[in-house]
Amino acid sequence: MATLTVVLLLLFTFPLYGIANSAEPILLGMPFSMFWIVLWTAVEFVILLALYWGEFGRRSR
């Protein structure tokens, strides 16, 4: 979990955000830098959902 946090922090800050720091190209109507943030936020949601299901999804009620 800590590794996921560090990787996502790097994707949203200077070292790796510099890759996406541009207004062109336009993807899905958004500048590339905004698309980068939306993409990784969605990826983070899916990963956290999978981790939650993996840990709590198999419990019997």
PDB file of N, CA and C in Angstrom:
ATOM      1  N   MET A   1       0.819  -1.188   0.000  1.00  0.00           N
ATOM      2  CA  MET A   1       0.000   0.000   0.000  1.00  0.00           C
ATOM      3  C   MET A   1       0.868   1.259   0.000  1.00  0.00           C
ATOM      4  N   ALA A   2       1.962   1.213   0.749  1.00  0.00           N
ATOM      5  CA  ALA A   2       2.860   2.369   0.777  1.00  0.00           C
ATOM      6  C   ALA A   2       3.518   2.575  -0.584  1.00  0.00           C
ATOM      7  N   THR A   3       3.814   1.490  -1.273  1.00  0.00           N
ATOM      8  CA  THR A   3       4.413   1.590  -2.604  1.00  0.00           C
ATOM      9  C   THR A   3       3.455   2.266  -3.570  1.00  0.00           C
ATOM     10  N   LEU A   4       2.188   1.900  -3.515  1.00  0.00           N
ATOM     11  CA  LEU A   4       1.175   2.529  -4.366  1.00  0.00           C
ATOM     12  C   LEU A   4       1.104   4.026  -4.093  1.00  0.00           C
ATOM     13  N   THR A   5       1.140   4.406  -2.838  1.00  0.00           N
ATOM     14  CA  THR A   5       1.077   5.817  -2.464  1.00  0.00           C
ATOM     15  C   THR A   5       2.270   6.588  -3.013  1.00  0.00           C
ATOM     16  N   VAL A   6       3.448   6.027  -2.902  1.00  0.00           N
ATOM     17  CA  VAL A   6       4.660   6.701  -3.391  1.00  0.00           C
ATOM     18  C   VAL A   6       4.633   6.820  -4.910  1.00  0.00           C
ATOM     19  N   VAL A   7       4.250   5.767  -5.598  1.00  0.00           N
ATOM     20  CA  VAL A   7       4.190   5.803  -7.064  1.00  0.00           C
ATOM     21  C   VAL A   7       3.197   6.860  -7.531  1.00  0.00           C
ATOM     22  N   LEU A   8       2.021   6.893  -6.932  1.00  0.00           N
ATOM     23  CA  LEU A   8       1.021   7.883  -7.333  1.00  0.00           C
ATOM     24  C   LEU A   8       1.464   9.297  -6.983  1.00  0.00           C
ATOM     25  N   LEU A   9       2.138   9.468  -5.869  1.00  0.00           N
ATOM     26  CA  LEU A   9       2.661  10.782  -5.513  1.00  0.00           C
ATOM     27  C   LEU A   9       3.669  11.256  -6.556  1.00  0.00           C
ATOM     28  N   LEU A  10       4.522  10.368  -7.016  1.00  0.00           N
ATOM     29  CA  LEU A  10       5.493  10.735  -8.048  1.00  0.00           C
ATOM     30  C   LEU A  10       4.816  11.074  -9.370  1.00  0.00           C
ATOM     31  N   LEU A  11       3.719  10.375  -9.689  1.00  0.00           N
ATOM     32  CA  LEU A  11       3.010  10.649 -10.938  1.00  0.00           C
ATOM     33  C   LEU A  11       2.322  12.009 -10.920  1.00  0.00           C
ATOM     34  N   PHE A  12       1.973  12.494  -9.729  1.00  0.00           N
ATOM     35  CA  PHE A  12       1.264  13.764  -9.618  1.00  0.00           C
ATOM     36  C   PHE A  12       2.173  14.946  -9.293  1.00  0.00           C
ATOM     37  N   THR A  13       3.463  14.718  -9.098  1.00  0.00           N
ATOM     38  CA  THR A  13       4.382  15.801  -8.757  1.00  0.00           C
ATOM     39  C   THR A  13       5.495  15.909  -9.791  1.00  0.00           C
ATOM     40  N   PHE A  14       6.433  16.792  -9.558  1.00  0.00           N
ATOM     41  CA  PHE A  14       7.423  17.205 -10.541  1.00  0.00           C
ATOM     42  C   PHE A  14       8.157  16.091 -11.290  1.00  0.00           C
ATOM     43  N   PRO A  15       8.736  15.111 -10.651  1.00  0.00           N
ATOM     44  CA  PRO A  15       9.595  14.216 -11.434  1.00  0.00           C
ATOM     45  C   PRO A  15       8.897  13.559 -12.627  1.00  0.00           C
ATOM     46  N   LEU A  16       7.725  13.018 -12.434  1.00  0.00           N
ATOM     47  CA  LEU A  16       7.050  12.338 -13.540  1.00  0.00           C
ATOM     48  C   LEU A  16       5.942  13.167 -14.169  1.00  0.00           C
ATOM     49  N   TYR A  17       5.434  14.169 -13.460  1.00  0.00           N
ATOM     50  CA  TYR A  17       4.395  15.015 -14.040  1.00  0.00           C
ATOM     51  C   TYR A  17       4.949  15.845 -15.193  1.00  0.00           C
ATOM     52  N   GLY A  18       6.246  16.061 -15.204  1.00  0.00           N
ATOM     53  CA  GLY A  18       6.867  16.800 -16.293  1.00  0.00           C
ATOM     54  C   GLY A  18       6.645  16.148 -17.651  1.00  0.00           C
ATOM     55  N   ILE A  19       6.433  14.845 -17.673  1.00  0.00           N
ATOM     56  CA  ILE A  19       6.132  14.130 -18.920  1.00  0.00           C
ATOM     57  C   ILE A  19       4.831  14.644 -19.515  1.00  0.00           C
ATOM     58  N   ALA A  20       3.860  14.935 -18.652  1.00  0.00           N
ATOM     59  CA  ALA A  20       2.522  15.296 -19.104  1.00  0.00           C
ATOM     60  C   ALA A  20       2.257  16.791 -19.045  1.00  0.00           C
ATOM     61  N   ASN A  21       3.242  17.578 -18.730  1.00  0.00           N
ATOM     62  CA  ASN A  21       3.024  19.004 -18.530  1.00  0.00           C
ATOM     63  C   ASN A  21       2.960  19.746 -19.864  1.00  0.00           C
ATOM     64  N   SER A  22       1.850  19.558 -20.577  1.00  0.00           N
ATOM     65  CA  SER A  22       1.643  20.262 -21.837  1.00  0.00           C
ATOM     66  C   SER A  22       0.149  20.387 -22.107  1.00  0.00           C
ATOM     67  N   ALA A  23      -0.202  21.368 -22.904  1.00  0.00           N
ATOM     68  CA  ALA A  23      -1.606  21.576 -23.246  1.00  0.00           C
ATOM     69  C   ALA A  23      -1.999  20.769 -24.479  1.00  0.00           C
ATOM     70  N   GLU A  24      -1.056  20.370 -25.260  1.00  0.00           N
ATOM     71  CA  GLU A  24      -1.326  19.585 -26.464  1.00  0.00           C
ATOM     72  C   GLU A  24      -0.804  18.184 -26.273  1.00  0.00           C
ATOM     73  N   PRO A  25      -1.401  17.181 -26.741  1.00  0.00           N
ATOM     74  CA  PRO A  25      -2.624  17.073 -27.527  1.00  0.00           C
ATOM     75  C   PRO A  25      -3.864  17.151 -26.636  1.00  0.00           C
ATOM     76  N   ILE A  26      -4.989  17.344 -27.281  1.00  0.00           N
ATOM     77  CA  ILE A  26      -6.273  17.358 -26.587  1.00  0.00           C
ATOM     78  C   ILE A  26      -6.833  15.937 -26.629  1.00  0.00           C
ATOM     79  N   LEU A  27      -7.090  15.352 -25.460  1.00  0.00           N
ATOM     80  CA  LEU A  27      -7.636  13.996 -25.362  1.00  0.00           C
ATOM     81  C   LEU A  27      -8.955  14.044 -24.608  1.00  0.00           C
ATOM     82  N   LEU A  28     -10.002  13.509 -25.210  1.00  0.00           N
ATOM     83  CA  LEU A  28     -11.339  13.510 -24.616  1.00  0.00           C
ATOM     84  C   LEU A  28     -11.777  14.918 -24.228  1.00  0.00           C
ATOM     85  N   GLY A  29     -11.369  15.898 -25.003  1.00  0.00           N
ATOM     86  CA  GLY A  29     -11.753  17.283 -24.761  1.00  0.00           C
ATOM     87  C   GLY A  29     -10.964  17.973 -23.671  1.00  0.00           C
ATOM     88  N   MET A  30      -9.936  17.319 -23.148  1.00  0.00           N
ATOM     89  CA  MET A  30      -9.135  17.898 -22.060  1.00  0.00           C
ATOM     90  C   MET A  30      -7.698  18.078 -22.526  1.00  0.00           C
ATOM     91  N   PRO A  31      -7.022  19.102 -22.011  1.00  0.00           N
ATOM     92  CA  PRO A  31      -5.584  19.197 -22.266  1.00  0.00           C
ATOM     93  C   PRO A  31      -4.877  17.968 -21.687  1.00  0.00           C
ATOM     94  N   PHE A  32      -3.747  17.625 -22.246  1.00  0.00           N
ATOM     95  CA  PHE A  32      -3.069  16.395 -21.839  1.00  0.00           C
ATOM     96  C   PHE A  32      -2.737  16.376 -20.355  1.00  0.00           C
ATOM     97  N   SER A  33      -2.358  17.521 -19.787  1.00  0.00           N
ATOM     98  CA  SER A  33      -2.015  17.532 -18.360  1.00  0.00           C
ATOM     99  C   SER A  33      -3.226  17.202 -17.490  1.00  0.00           C
ATOM    100  N   MET A  34      -4.403  17.679 -17.868  1.00  0.00           N
ATOM    101  CA  MET A  34      -5.617  17.348 -17.111  1.00  0.00           C
ATOM    102  C   MET A  34      -5.998  15.888 -17.329  1.00  0.00           C
ATOM    103  N   PHE A  35      -5.845  15.399 -18.558  1.00  0.00           N
ATOM    104  CA  PHE A  35      -6.120  13.994 -18.855  1.00  0.00           C
ATOM    105  C   PHE A  35      -5.216  13.084 -18.027  1.00  0.00           C
ATOM    106  N   TRP A  36      -3.956  13.466 -17.844  1.00  0.00           N
ATOM    107  CA  TRP A  36      -2.993  12.702 -17.041  1.00  0.00           C
ATOM    108  C   TRP A  36      -3.501  12.529 -15.613  1.00  0.00           C
ATOM    109  N   ILE A  37      -3.984  13.621 -15.014  1.00  0.00           N
ATOM    110  CA  ILE A  37      -4.500  13.578 -13.643  1.00  0.00           C
ATOM    111  C   ILE A  37      -5.747  12.705 -13.565  1.00  0.00           C
ATOM    112  N   VAL A  38      -6.678  12.876 -14.498  1.00  0.00           N
ATOM    113  CA  VAL A  38      -7.916  12.085 -14.502  1.00  0.00           C
ATOM    114  C   VAL A  38      -7.603  10.607 -14.716  1.00  0.00           C
ATOM    115  N   LEU A  39      -6.700  10.303 -15.627  1.00  0.00           N
ATOM    116  CA  LEU A  39      -6.328   8.912 -15.907  1.00  0.00           C
ATOM    117  C   LEU A  39      -5.774   8.229 -14.666  1.00  0.00           C
ATOM    118  N   TRP A  40      -4.812   8.845 -13.996  1.00  0.00           N
ATOM    119  CA  TRP A  40      -4.187   8.200 -12.843  1.00  0.00           C
ATOM    120  C   TRP A  40      -5.096   8.176 -11.627  1.00  0.00           C
ATOM    121  N   THR A  41      -6.024   9.128 -11.530  1.00  0.00           N
ATOM    122  CA  THR A  41      -7.017   9.067 -10.457  1.00  0.00           C
ATOM    123  C   THR A  41      -7.946   7.878 -10.677  1.00  0.00           C
ATOM    124  N   ALA A  42      -8.346   7.631 -11.925  1.00  0.00           N
ATOM    125  CA  ALA A  42      -9.192   6.476 -12.238  1.00  0.00           C
ATOM    126  C   ALA A  42      -8.438   5.164 -12.009  1.00  0.00           C
ATOM    127  N   VAL A  43      -7.170   5.115 -12.392  1.00  0.00           N
ATOM    128  CA  VAL A  43      -6.358   3.915 -12.161  1.00  0.00           C
ATOM    129  C   VAL A  43      -6.218   3.656 -10.662  1.00  0.00           C
ATOM    130  N   GLU A  44      -6.000   4.717  -9.890  1.00  0.00           N
ATOM    131  CA  GLU A  44      -5.895   4.574  -8.436  1.00  0.00           C
ATOM    132  C   GLU A  44      -7.191   4.016  -7.849  1.00  0.00           C
ATOM    133  N   PHE A  45      -8.331   4.502  -8.326  1.00  0.00           N
ATOM    134  CA  PHE A  45      -9.620   4.016  -7.846  1.00  0.00           C
ATOM    135  C   PHE A  45      -9.777   2.520  -8.115  1.00  0.00           C
ATOM    136  N   VAL A  46      -9.432   2.088  -9.317  1.00  0.00           N
ATOM    137  CA  VAL A  46      -9.561   0.669  -9.674  1.00  0.00           C
ATOM    138  C   VAL A  46      -8.630  -0.191  -8.821  1.00  0.00           C
ATOM    139  N   ILE A  47      -7.411   0.252  -8.604  1.00  0.00           N
ATOM    140  CA  ILE A  47      -6.464  -0.508  -7.780  1.00  0.00           C
ATOM    141  C   ILE A  47      -6.956  -0.610  -6.343  1.00  0.00           C
ATOM    142  N   LEU A  48      -7.423   0.502  -5.782  1.00  0.00           N
ATOM    143  CA  LEU A  48      -7.927   0.473  -4.408  1.00  0.00           C
ATOM    144  C   LEU A  48      -9.181  -0.383  -4.288  1.00  0.00           C
ATOM    145  N   LEU A  49     -10.037  -0.358  -5.294  1.00  0.00           N
ATOM    146  CA  LEU A  49     -11.227  -1.208  -5.298  1.00  0.00           C
ATOM    147  C   LEU A  49     -10.838  -2.684  -5.330  1.00  0.00           C
ATOM    148  N   ALA A  50      -9.853  -3.038  -6.144  1.00  0.00           N
ATOM    149  CA  ALA A  50      -9.383  -4.422  -6.200  1.00  0.00           C
ATOM    150  C   ALA A  50      -8.762  -4.842  -4.872  1.00  0.00           C
ATOM    151  N   LEU A  51      -8.002  -3.956  -4.246  1.00  0.00           N
ATOM    152  CA  LEU A  51      -7.424  -4.276  -2.939  1.00  0.00           C
ATOM    153  C   LEU A  51      -8.511  -4.467  -1.888  1.00  0.00           C
ATOM    154  N   TYR A  52      -9.530  -3.642  -1.920  1.00  0.00           N
ATOM    155  CA  TYR A  52     -10.635  -3.766  -0.965  1.00  0.00           C
ATOM    156  C   TYR A  52     -11.369  -5.090  -1.160  1.00  0.00           C
ATOM    157  N   TRP A  53     -11.702  -5.402  -2.419  1.00  0.00           N
ATOM    158  CA  TRP A  53     -12.398  -6.669  -2.695  1.00  0.00           C
ATOM    159  C   TRP A  53     -11.531  -7.857  -2.314  1.00  0.00           C
ATOM    160  N   GLY A  54     -10.239  -7.757  -2.542  1.00  0.00           N
ATOM    161  CA  GLY A  54      -9.342  -8.843  -2.182  1.00  0.00           C
ATOM    162  C   GLY A  54      -9.268  -9.080  -0.687  1.00  0.00           C
ATOM    163  N   GLU A  55      -9.393  -8.022   0.081  1.00  0.00           N
ATOM    164  CA  GLU A  55      -9.278  -8.171   1.528  1.00  0.00           C
ATOM    165  C   GLU A  55     -10.618  -8.423   2.215  1.00  0.00           C
ATOM    166  N   PHE A  56     -11.649  -7.727   1.795  1.00  0.00           N
ATOM    167  CA  PHE A  56     -12.928  -7.814   2.496  1.00  0.00           C
ATOM    168  C   PHE A  56     -14.021  -8.523   1.703  1.00  0.00           C
ATOM    169  N   GLY A  57     -13.782  -8.816   0.447  1.00  0.00           N
ATOM    170  CA  GLY A  57     -14.824  -9.385  -0.403  1.00  0.00           C
ATOM    171  C   GLY A  57     -15.158 -10.832  -0.116  1.00  0.00           C
ATOM    172  N   ARG A  58     -14.272 -11.564   0.506  1.00  0.00           N
ATOM    173  CA  ARG A  58     -14.480 -13.002   0.709  1.00  0.00           C
ATOM    174  C   ARG A  58     -15.015 -13.342   2.090  1.00  0.00           C
ATOM    175  N   ARG A  59     -15.251 -12.364   2.909  1.00  0.00           N
ATOM    176  CA  ARG A  59     -15.761 -12.637   4.255  1.00  0.00           C
ATOM    177  C   ARG A  59     -17.226 -13.046   4.201  1.00  0.00           C
ATOM    178  N   SER A  60     -17.578 -14.028   4.993  1.00  0.00           N
ATOM    179  CA  SER A  60     -18.987 -14.421   5.072  1.00  0.00           C
ATOM    180  C   SER A  60     -19.683 -13.545   6.102  1.00  0.00           C
ATOM    181  N   ARG A  61     -20.927 -13.274   5.848  1.00  0.00           N
ATOM    182  CA  ARG A  61     -21.662 -12.372   6.750  1.00  0.00           C
ATOM    183  C   ARG A  61     -22.566 -13.120   7.651  1.00  0.00           C
TER     184      ARG A  61
END
